[in-house]
Amino acid sequence: MANLELLKLTISDMAPKIRSGEVSPVELTEAALAQADRLQPALNSFITILRDQAMDQAREQEAALARGEYLGPLQGIPIGIKDNIATGGIRTTVGTKVLSDNVPEEDAEVVRRCKAAGAIILGKENLEEFAAGATSNNPHYGPVHNPWALDHIPGGSSGGGGANVASGVTFASLGTDLGGSVRLPGTFCGVVGLKQTFGRVSQRGLLVTSFNGDHIGPMTRSVSDSALVLQALAGYDPLDPSTVPVPVPDYSAALEGNLHGMKMGIPSNYFFDLVDSEVEAAVRLAIEALQELGVETREVSLPSMEYSGALRFSGMADSVVTHEPYIQAKREDYGPDTLYRTLAGQFVLGRDYSKALKVQRIIQEEHARVLQDVDFLVTPTAPVAAPRIDAKYITLGGEEHRVRGPGSGVISRNTSPENATGLPAITVPCGFNQAGLPIGVQFIGRAFDESTIFRVAQGYESVSPSRGHWPAVAA
């Protein structure tokens, strides 16, 4: 099988070939590194490519397989790691000049689990500076380019991972999601992006993060692959107090059921209020496809979402506290967008912070009540398809909205609320706009019930108009 054809397979397709010896981890890693080298000038998706280490890991896994040591479906699979997730002995910059020489002493827990599962780490992926934004236009390491249209953003802040998965460089990439930073690259790059329930996966080793709502989650080319990666990542970490000691189900087994008789909730307010017409049309068609698969539709109301803007006050205050030592020591090394949006947090009053937490609790309770009557919610993932890299504004609802920097929350308006609720949410490709840019639909589920949204997402994926499409740059 030609190398390019190998790289177009999913983990679910590739794992049996590796286990049987039809494809070797060394062969696959060589192909992935060649694809990375070929596309790096166009995509700028990596900050550090780990060629020697990746080949060493591939040889180790090939030898283990020869000894009959099978570790599971991630064994021998090339993956990427966002460069704000600690890798022991390997530079981890968080996308900023401030930490350009930062070398952690040990791996993040998720990296340790991926290695234990036999995955091959190709490199550390480019991102928005300090993972603070939706574009991945990095002022220090250069912008990441969308493989579907190189003059457009891949989404942020995990843009390098989204670009790599979409273009056949990695089979999966680990990103981080504080306001949609896995799901936005998912929708803009036409891949599957998962934010699992808060507390399901350890955050230990996630650098310069918020204290409230950050997640490490996978970007993959299929829903079944997302389930396989979460299986490896999920579980209680006694050294991370944010994790919850609840059982981890067999996510792949959950994919087997049909959708007949399930109930989906379509929000009557907020999520469809400020959406590009082509995006809304694609998502409405996805809803119709789910109906044809036997899913019942119910309109639901989430009136407290009117106040969701208040959630940003707690995020701003968290950010300025997290950044305080870096701003004091290396303020001049910050990019202007990140610096100015961070400094604004010092003006958040304690009263406003407390009100933001109150709004968060009200929205959490409201979601919980609505999800008693339906199995999951359906929304557009982002209100627009990927903007151009040089765009300063996008027009929605007859108004201009900032794409970067302070006041640029419109791109993440449908994803960031679920960081506040902590509920699991997944984006699945649901078509393209007239310019050929991907569009995503978001499914939101109950706490610690990733199995349901995997089942729904896979059911929809089987009929999605996005099936079988690849960006031209990948070939």
Protein backbone atom coordinates (compact mmCIF):
# COMPACT_ATOMS: atom_id res chain seq x y z
CA MET A 1 0.00 0.00 0.00
CA ALA A 2 1.39 3.42 -0.98
CA ASN A 3 2.50 5.65 1.88
CA LEU A 4 -0.12 8.31 1.15
CA GLU A 5 -2.88 5.72 1.24
CA LEU A 6 -1.58 4.50 4.59
CA LEU A 7 -1.81 8.02 5.99
CA LYS A 8 -5.43 8.38 4.85
CA LEU A 9 -6.55 5.47 7.00
CA THR A 10 -8.07 5.92 10.45
CA ILE A 11 -6.64 4.45 13.63
CA SER A 12 -9.51 1.96 13.62
CA ASP A 13 -8.43 0.81 10.14
CA MET A 14 -4.70 0.92 10.81
CA ALA A 15 -4.54 -0.82 14.21
CA PRO A 16 -5.40 -4.32 12.87
CA LYS A 17 -2.78 -3.91 10.12
CA ILE A 18 -0.11 -3.06 12.69
CA ARG A 19 -1.15 -5.91 14.98
CA SER A 20 -1.02 -8.45 12.14
CA GLY A 21 2.33 -7.18 10.87
CA GLU A 22 0.93 -6.02 7.52
CA VAL A 23 2.15 -2.50 8.34
CA SER A 24 5.11 -1.82 10.61
CA PRO A 25 5.34 1.10 13.06
CA VAL A 26 8.68 2.03 11.45
CA GLU A 27 7.15 2.16 7.96
CA LEU A 28 4.19 4.18 9.17
CA THR A 29 6.30 6.63 11.17
CA GLU A 30 8.65 7.19 8.25
CA ALA A 31 5.65 7.98 6.04
CA ALA A 32 4.19 10.37 8.61
CA LEU A 33 7.49 12.19 9.09
CA ALA A 34 7.87 12.52 5.33
CA GLN A 35 4.39 14.02 5.14
CA ALA A 36 5.25 16.37 8.01
CA ASP A 37 8.41 17.54 6.26
CA ARG A 38 6.56 18.03 2.98
CA LEU A 39 3.71 20.04 4.48
CA GLN A 40 5.50 22.02 7.20
CA PRO A 41 6.42 24.87 4.79
CA ALA A 42 2.76 25.18 3.77
CA LEU A 43 0.98 24.51 7.08
CA ASN A 44 3.54 25.60 9.72
CA SER A 45 1.78 23.13 12.01
CA PHE A 46 4.75 22.15 14.20
CA ILE A 47 7.01 24.10 16.52
CA THR A 48 9.27 21.08 17.05
CA ILE A 49 9.37 17.90 14.94
CA LEU A 50 10.86 14.99 16.90
CA ARG A 51 12.32 12.90 14.06
CA ASP A 52 14.94 10.92 15.97
CA GLN A 53 12.76 10.30 19.00
CA ALA A 54 9.79 9.25 16.86
CA MET A 55 11.90 6.73 14.93
CA ASP A 56 13.35 5.36 18.18
CA GLN A 57 9.83 4.91 19.56
CA ALA A 58 8.70 3.25 16.31
CA ARG A 59 11.57 0.76 16.45
CA GLU A 60 10.79 0.02 20.10
CA GLN A 61 7.16 -0.69 19.28
CA GLU A 62 8.08 -2.83 16.29
CA ALA A 63 10.35 -4.90 18.51
CA ALA A 64 7.63 -5.19 21.16
CA LEU A 65 5.15 -6.46 18.58
CA ALA A 66 7.70 -8.99 17.36
CA ARG A 67 7.89 -10.27 20.95
CA GLY A 68 4.11 -10.62 21.04
CA GLU A 69 3.61 -7.57 23.28
CA TYR A 70 0.43 -5.93 21.98
CA LEU A 71 -0.51 -2.77 23.87
CA GLY A 72 -3.73 -1.84 22.07
CA PRO A 73 -4.97 0.12 19.06
CA LEU A 74 -2.67 3.14 19.56
CA GLN A 75 0.48 1.02 19.36
CA GLY A 76 2.66 2.26 16.52
CA ILE A 77 0.27 5.13 15.65
CA PRO A 78 1.88 8.56 14.96
CA ILE A 79 0.29 11.37 16.97
CA GLY A 80 0.96 15.03 17.73
CA ILE A 81 1.06 16.88 21.04
CA LYS A 82 0.11 20.55 21.39
CA ASP A 83 3.08 22.59 22.58
CA ASN A 84 1.44 23.62 25.85
CA ILE A 85 1.38 20.02 27.13
CA ALA A 86 4.54 19.08 29.00
CA THR A 87 6.97 16.61 27.44
CA GLY A 88 9.88 15.58 29.66
CA GLY A 89 13.25 16.66 28.29
CA ILE A 90 11.63 18.26 25.24
CA ARG A 91 11.13 21.99 24.75
CA THR A 92 7.55 23.05 25.47
CA THR A 93 7.07 26.69 24.49
CA VAL A 94 3.31 27.22 25.03
CA GLY A 95 3.59 29.11 21.74
CA THR A 96 5.35 32.08 23.29
CA LYS A 97 8.78 33.69 23.27
CA VAL A 98 8.39 34.00 27.04
CA LEU A 99 8.91 30.22 27.39
CA SER A 100 11.04 29.58 24.31
CA ASP A 101 13.67 27.75 26.41
CA ASN A 102 11.27 25.89 28.70
CA VAL A 103 12.11 22.17 29.04
CA PRO A 104 9.85 20.29 31.49
CA GLU A 105 11.37 17.59 33.68
CA GLU A 106 8.55 15.08 33.14
CA ASP A 107 5.72 14.22 30.79
CA ALA A 108 2.16 15.37 31.33
CA GLU A 109 -0.06 12.52 32.49
CA VAL A 110 -1.79 12.33 29.10
CA VAL A 111 1.58 12.03 27.33
CA ARG A 112 2.60 9.27 29.73
CA ARG A 113 -0.64 7.41 28.97
CA CYS A 114 -0.17 7.77 25.22
CA LYS A 115 3.36 6.40 25.48
CA ALA A 116 2.11 3.54 27.64
CA ALA A 117 -0.39 2.75 24.88
CA GLY A 118 2.45 2.59 22.34
CA ALA A 119 1.69 5.79 20.43
CA ILE A 120 4.52 7.47 18.48
CA ILE A 121 4.94 11.20 19.17
CA LEU A 122 5.88 13.03 15.96
CA GLY A 123 6.28 16.47 17.47
CA LYS A 124 5.02 19.48 19.39
CA GLU A 125 2.36 21.36 17.48
CA ASN A 126 1.96 25.07 16.82
CA LEU A 127 -0.78 27.02 18.58
CA GLU A 128 -2.03 30.44 19.51
CA GLU A 129 0.35 32.18 21.93
CA PHE A 130 -0.36 30.89 25.45
CA ALA A 131 -3.33 29.01 23.91
CA ALA A 132 -5.27 32.28 24.16
CA GLY A 133 -7.29 32.73 20.98
CA ALA A 134 -9.24 31.13 18.16
CA THR A 135 -6.95 31.70 15.15
CA SER A 136 -3.50 30.12 15.75
CA ASN A 137 -1.92 33.23 14.19
CA ASN A 138 1.17 32.94 16.36
CA PRO A 139 3.29 36.15 16.51
CA HIS A 140 6.50 34.27 17.42
CA TYR A 141 6.36 31.00 15.48
CA GLY A 142 4.20 32.13 12.57
CA PRO A 143 0.57 31.41 11.72
CA VAL A 144 -0.77 27.90 11.20
CA HIS A 145 -2.51 27.51 7.82
CA ASN A 146 -5.75 25.66 7.17
CA PRO A 147 -5.10 22.68 4.84
CA TRP A 148 -8.43 23.27 3.06
CA ALA A 149 -7.43 26.84 2.14
CA LEU A 150 -3.96 27.99 3.08
CA ASP A 151 -4.96 31.64 3.40
CA HIS A 152 -7.50 30.77 6.12
CA ILE A 153 -7.08 30.03 9.82
CA PRO A 154 -7.25 26.44 11.11
CA GLY A 155 -8.96 27.57 14.30
CA GLY A 156 -7.38 27.90 17.69
CA SER A 157 -5.85 27.53 19.90
CA SER A 158 -4.95 23.95 18.88
CA GLY A 159 -4.53 24.86 15.22
CA GLY A 160 -1.43 22.81 14.51
CA GLY A 161 -3.13 19.64 15.66
CA GLY A 162 -6.24 20.26 13.58
CA ALA A 163 -4.16 20.95 10.47
CA ASN A 164 -2.02 17.85 10.99
CA VAL A 165 -4.93 15.46 11.48
CA ALA A 166 -6.81 16.88 8.48
CA SER A 167 -3.80 16.59 6.16
CA GLY A 168 -2.66 13.07 7.03
CA VAL A 169 0.39 14.01 9.08
CA THR A 170 -0.88 12.62 12.39
CA PHE A 171 -3.64 10.09 13.03
CA ALA A 172 -4.59 11.95 16.20
CA SER A 173 -3.42 15.05 18.01
CA LEU A 174 -3.91 16.11 21.61
CA GLY A 175 -5.12 19.67 22.01
CA THR A 176 -6.43 21.74 24.88
CA ASP A 177 -9.88 23.27 25.11
CA LEU A 178 -10.67 26.18 27.44
CA GLY A 179 -13.22 27.89 25.18
CA GLY A 180 -13.43 25.60 22.18
CA SER A 181 -9.74 25.21 21.33
CA VAL A 182 -10.13 21.56 20.29
CA ARG A 183 -13.60 21.88 18.77
CA LEU A 184 -12.84 25.01 16.73
CA PRO A 185 -9.88 23.44 14.89
CA GLY A 186 -12.17 20.44 14.53
CA THR A 187 -14.86 22.37 12.69
CA PHE A 188 -12.50 24.63 10.69
CA CYS A 189 -10.24 21.74 9.58
CA GLY A 190 -13.00 19.20 9.00
CA VAL A 191 -12.04 16.69 11.70
CA VAL A 192 -13.58 15.32 14.88
CA GLY A 193 -12.79 17.32 18.03
CA LEU A 194 -13.77 16.17 21.52
CA LYS A 195 -14.04 18.02 24.82
CA GLN A 196 -14.91 15.27 27.26
CA THR A 197 -16.49 15.88 30.67
CA PHE A 198 -14.41 18.06 32.98
CA GLY A 199 -12.69 15.68 35.41
CA ARG A 200 -12.60 12.71 33.02
CA VAL A 201 -8.99 13.32 31.85
CA SER A 202 -6.04 14.57 33.89
CA GLN A 203 -4.84 18.13 33.32
CA ARG A 204 -1.55 17.52 35.13
CA GLY A 205 1.21 18.83 32.90
CA LEU A 206 -1.01 21.32 31.04
CA LEU A 207 1.03 24.53 31.23
CA VAL A 208 -0.16 28.08 31.94
CA THR A 209 -3.78 27.04 32.19
CA SER A 210 -6.94 28.35 33.81
CA PHE A 211 -8.14 27.02 37.13
CA ASN A 212 -11.64 26.48 35.77
CA GLY A 213 -12.75 24.61 32.67
CA ASP A 214 -9.60 23.67 30.75
CA HIS A 215 -9.55 20.23 29.12
CA ILE A 216 -7.06 18.10 27.16
CA GLY A 217 -8.86 16.33 24.33
CA PRO A 218 -8.25 14.57 21.02
CA MET A 219 -8.63 15.63 17.40
CA THR A 220 -9.07 12.65 15.07
CA ARG A 221 -10.30 11.76 11.59
CA SER A 222 -13.23 9.67 12.81
CA VAL A 223 -15.54 9.31 15.78
CA SER A 224 -14.34 5.74 16.40
CA ASP A 225 -10.77 7.06 16.62
CA SER A 226 -11.86 9.70 19.13
CA ALA A 227 -13.31 6.92 21.28
CA LEU A 228 -10.05 4.95 21.07
CA VAL A 229 -7.93 7.93 22.11
CA LEU A 230 -10.24 8.89 24.98
CA GLN A 231 -10.06 5.28 26.17
CA ALA A 232 -6.30 5.70 26.56
CA LEU A 233 -6.51 9.13 28.21
CA ALA A 234 -9.46 8.75 30.57
CA GLY A 235 -9.25 7.80 34.22
CA TYR A 236 -8.61 9.09 37.69
CA ASP A 237 -5.24 10.68 38.40
CA PRO A 238 -4.57 10.75 42.17
CA LEU A 239 -2.15 13.64 41.64
CA ASP A 240 -4.74 15.81 39.87
CA PRO A 241 -7.57 16.90 42.18
CA SER A 242 -9.69 17.95 39.19
CA THR A 243 -10.13 14.33 38.08
CA VAL A 244 -13.07 12.30 39.33
CA PRO A 245 -12.81 8.62 40.38
CA VAL A 246 -15.66 7.31 38.23
CA PRO A 247 -15.59 4.15 36.06
CA VAL A 248 -14.40 4.50 32.46
CA PRO A 249 -16.72 2.60 30.11
CA ASP A 250 -15.77 0.81 26.90
CA TYR A 251 -16.31 3.69 24.49
CA SER A 252 -15.88 1.59 21.35
CA ALA A 253 -18.62 -0.79 22.47
CA ALA A 254 -20.96 2.18 22.84
CA LEU A 255 -20.64 2.93 19.13
CA GLU A 256 -22.54 -0.18 18.11
CA GLY A 257 -26.10 0.86 19.00
CA ASN A 258 -28.50 2.55 16.59
CA LEU A 259 -30.10 5.93 17.24
CA HIS A 260 -33.76 4.97 16.94
CA GLY A 261 -35.87 6.48 19.73
CA MET A 262 -33.21 8.86 21.01
CA LYS A 263 -34.22 12.47 21.68
CA MET A 264 -32.23 15.50 20.53
CA GLY A 265 -32.77 18.98 21.86
CA ILE A 266 -32.59 21.90 19.43
CA PRO A 267 -32.01 25.16 21.36
CA SER A 268 -34.55 27.81 20.46
CA ASN A 269 -32.31 30.61 21.69
CA TYR A 270 -28.67 31.67 21.67
CA PHE A 271 -26.89 28.93 19.69
CA PHE A 272 -28.63 29.69 16.39
CA ASP A 273 -29.09 33.41 17.04
CA LEU A 274 -25.83 34.60 15.45
CA VAL A 275 -24.88 32.13 12.71
CA ASP A 276 -23.80 32.42 9.09
CA SER A 277 -26.57 31.24 6.75
CA GLU A 278 -24.45 28.51 5.13
CA VAL A 279 -23.42 27.16 8.53
CA GLU A 280 -27.01 27.09 9.75
CA ALA A 281 -28.19 25.37 6.57
CA ALA A 282 -25.57 22.63 6.96
CA VAL A 283 -26.44 22.05 10.61
CA ARG A 284 -30.19 21.97 9.86
CA LEU A 285 -29.48 19.31 7.23
CA ALA A 286 -27.55 17.35 9.86
CA ILE A 287 -30.59 17.54 12.13
CA GLU A 288 -32.77 16.22 9.30
CA ALA A 289 -30.31 13.37 8.75
CA LEU A 290 -30.55 12.44 12.43
CA GLN A 291 -34.33 12.45 12.17
CA GLU A 292 -34.08 10.01 9.28
CA LEU A 293 -31.95 7.80 11.53
CA GLY A 294 -34.83 7.67 14.01
CA VAL A 295 -33.92 10.46 16.41
CA GLU A 296 -36.84 12.45 17.81
CA THR A 297 -36.61 16.24 17.86
CA ARG A 298 -37.59 18.53 20.69
CA GLU A 299 -37.16 22.28 20.87
CA VAL A 300 -35.55 23.34 24.14
CA SER A 301 -35.00 26.71 25.73
CA LEU A 302 -31.90 27.84 27.63
CA PRO A 303 -32.93 31.35 28.70
CA SER A 304 -29.95 31.88 31.03
CA MET A 305 -27.61 31.79 28.04
CA GLU A 306 -28.57 35.44 27.59
CA TYR A 307 -26.08 36.14 30.39
CA SER A 308 -23.28 33.86 29.14
CA GLY A 309 -21.08 36.87 28.37
CA ALA A 310 -20.58 37.28 32.11
CA LEU A 311 -18.59 34.04 32.14
CA ARG A 312 -15.68 35.91 30.58
CA PHE A 313 -15.10 37.89 33.79
CA SER A 314 -14.00 34.82 35.73
CA GLY A 315 -11.83 33.71 32.80
CA MET A 316 -10.17 37.12 32.60
CA ALA A 317 -9.36 37.11 36.31
CA ASP A 318 -8.01 33.57 36.17
CA SER A 319 -5.83 34.52 33.21
CA VAL A 320 -4.18 37.52 34.81
CA VAL A 321 -3.32 35.46 37.91
CA THR A 322 -1.83 32.66 35.79
CA HIS A 323 0.21 35.09 33.70
CA GLU A 324 1.31 37.36 36.55
CA PRO A 325 4.84 35.93 37.06
CA TYR A 326 5.54 35.90 33.32
CA ILE A 327 4.29 39.45 32.75
CA GLN A 328 6.42 40.70 35.63
CA ALA A 329 9.55 38.95 34.32
CA LYS A 330 9.20 39.08 30.52
CA ARG A 331 6.44 41.48 29.58
CA GLU A 332 8.35 42.64 26.49
CA ASP A 333 8.33 39.09 25.08
CA TYR A 334 4.53 38.89 24.86
CA GLY A 335 2.68 39.33 21.59
CA PRO A 336 0.38 42.36 21.80
CA ASP A 337 -2.94 40.51 21.42
CA THR A 338 -2.20 38.12 24.27
CA LEU A 339 -0.76 40.83 26.50
CA TYR A 340 -3.65 43.26 26.16
CA ARG A 341 -6.40 40.67 26.61
CA THR A 342 -4.56 39.36 29.69
CA LEU A 343 -3.96 42.73 31.32
CA ALA A 344 -7.68 43.49 31.22
CA GLY A 345 -8.21 40.84 33.89
CA GLN A 346 -6.59 43.03 36.57
CA PHE A 347 -9.65 45.30 36.47
CA VAL A 348 -12.16 42.53 37.31
CA LEU A 349 -13.65 43.24 40.74
CA GLY A 350 -14.21 40.48 43.27
CA ARG A 351 -17.96 41.17 43.08
CA ASP A 352 -17.93 40.71 39.32
CA TYR A 353 -15.92 37.51 39.62
CA SER A 354 -18.46 36.14 42.10
CA LYS A 355 -21.34 37.10 39.81
CA ALA A 356 -19.65 35.29 36.94
CA LEU A 357 -19.45 32.14 39.06
CA LYS A 358 -23.13 32.57 39.95
CA VAL A 359 -24.05 32.80 36.26
CA GLN A 360 -21.93 29.73 35.60
CA ARG A 361 -23.86 27.77 38.24
CA ILE A 362 -27.22 28.90 36.84
CA ILE A 363 -26.22 27.85 33.31
CA GLN A 364 -24.95 24.50 34.61
CA GLU A 365 -28.25 23.84 36.39
CA GLU A 366 -30.25 24.87 33.34
CA HIS A 367 -28.32 22.51 31.06
CA ALA A 368 -28.79 19.70 33.59
CA ARG A 369 -32.57 20.26 33.66
CA VAL A 370 -32.87 20.34 29.86
CA LEU A 371 -30.80 17.18 29.52
CA GLN A 372 -33.29 15.33 31.72
CA ASP A 373 -35.79 15.54 28.85
CA VAL A 374 -33.46 14.94 25.88
CA ASP A 375 -30.43 12.71 25.35
CA PHE A 376 -28.25 15.37 23.77
CA LEU A 377 -28.23 18.90 22.33
CA VAL A 378 -27.39 19.88 18.73
CA THR A 379 -25.83 23.23 17.80
CA PRO A 380 -23.49 24.71 15.19
CA THR A 381 -19.93 24.31 16.46
CA ALA A 382 -18.85 27.76 15.25
CA PRO A 383 -21.06 30.52 13.82
CA VAL A 384 -18.86 30.82 10.70
CA ALA A 385 -16.52 28.78 8.56
CA ALA A 386 -12.80 29.54 8.89
CA PRO A 387 -12.00 33.26 8.40
CA ARG A 388 -8.97 34.39 6.41
CA ILE A 389 -5.67 34.62 8.25
CA ASP A 390 -5.47 38.36 7.52
CA ALA A 391 -9.08 39.05 8.59
CA LYS A 392 -9.45 41.50 11.45
CA TYR A 393 -13.25 41.36 11.49
CA ILE A 394 -16.07 39.07 10.42
CA THR A 395 -19.60 40.24 9.73
CA LEU A 396 -22.48 38.48 11.49
CA GLY A 397 -25.96 39.77 12.20
CA GLY A 398 -25.20 42.93 10.25
CA GLU A 399 -22.35 43.85 12.61
CA GLU A 400 -18.58 43.53 12.52
CA HIS A 401 -16.92 41.36 15.17
CA ARG A 402 -13.22 41.11 15.99
CA VAL A 403 -11.38 37.93 15.03
CA ARG A 404 -8.37 38.37 17.35
CA GLY A 405 -7.48 39.99 20.64
CA PRO A 406 -9.77 41.64 23.20
CA GLY A 407 -13.46 41.38 22.37
CA SER A 408 -13.01 38.54 19.88
CA GLY A 409 -15.28 35.98 21.52
CA VAL A 410 -17.82 35.63 18.71
CA ILE A 411 -16.02 32.67 17.06
CA SER A 412 -16.16 30.67 20.29
CA ARG A 413 -19.63 31.79 21.41
CA ASN A 414 -21.10 28.29 20.82
CA THR A 415 -18.21 26.32 22.28
CA SER A 416 -17.07 28.26 25.35
CA PRO A 417 -20.32 27.80 27.35
CA GLU A 418 -19.66 24.06 27.55
CA ASN A 419 -16.32 24.71 29.21
CA ALA A 420 -18.32 26.45 31.91
CA THR A 421 -20.85 23.61 32.20
CA GLY A 422 -18.13 20.96 32.07
CA LEU A 423 -20.39 18.80 29.88
CA PRO A 424 -18.98 16.63 27.09
CA ALA A 425 -19.19 18.10 23.59
CA ILE A 426 -17.99 16.80 20.24
CA THR A 427 -17.80 18.40 16.79
CA VAL A 428 -18.28 16.31 13.65
CA PRO A 429 -17.88 17.53 10.04
CA CYS A 430 -21.27 18.16 8.41
CA GLY A 431 -20.43 19.59 5.00
CA PHE A 432 -18.80 22.56 3.31
CA ASN A 433 -19.69 26.12 2.39
CA GLN A 434 -19.59 27.36 -1.19
CA ALA A 435 -15.91 28.26 -0.80
CA GLY A 436 -15.11 24.63 0.08
CA LEU A 437 -14.41 25.29 3.76
CA PRO A 438 -15.56 22.68 6.31
CA ILE A 439 -18.53 23.17 8.65
CA GLY A 440 -19.09 21.29 11.91
CA VAL A 441 -22.07 20.27 14.02
CA GLN A 442 -21.72 20.07 17.82
CA PHE A 443 -23.35 17.43 20.02
CA ILE A 444 -23.53 18.14 23.78
CA GLY A 445 -24.28 15.39 26.30
CA ARG A 446 -24.76 14.68 29.98
CA ALA A 447 -21.85 14.68 32.42
CA PHE A 448 -19.63 11.58 32.12
CA ASP A 449 -21.84 10.24 29.33
CA GLU A 450 -19.40 10.49 26.46
CA SER A 451 -20.74 7.13 25.28
CA THR A 452 -23.99 8.73 24.14
CA ILE A 453 -22.41 11.52 22.16
CA PHE A 454 -19.98 9.04 20.58
CA ARG A 455 -22.95 6.90 19.53
CA VAL A 456 -24.80 9.88 18.09
CA ALA A 457 -21.70 11.30 16.41
CA GLN A 458 -20.83 8.01 14.75
CA GLY A 459 -24.40 7.52 13.60
CA TYR A 460 -24.39 10.94 11.99
CA GLU A 461 -20.86 10.55 10.62
CA SER A 462 -22.01 7.53 8.61
CA VAL A 463 -24.32 9.76 6.54
CA SER A 464 -22.42 13.06 6.66
CA PRO A 465 -21.71 14.74 3.29
CA SER A 466 -18.13 15.26 4.50
CA ARG A 467 -17.29 11.54 4.25
CA GLY A 468 -14.38 10.72 1.99
CA HIS A 469 -13.26 14.29 1.32
CA TRP A 470 -9.62 15.33 1.75
CA PRO A 471 -7.95 18.72 1.40
CA ALA A 472 -5.98 18.97 -1.82
CA VAL A 473 -2.76 19.85 0.04
CA ALA A 474 -2.77 16.41 1.68
CA ALA A 475 -2.24 14.71 -1.67
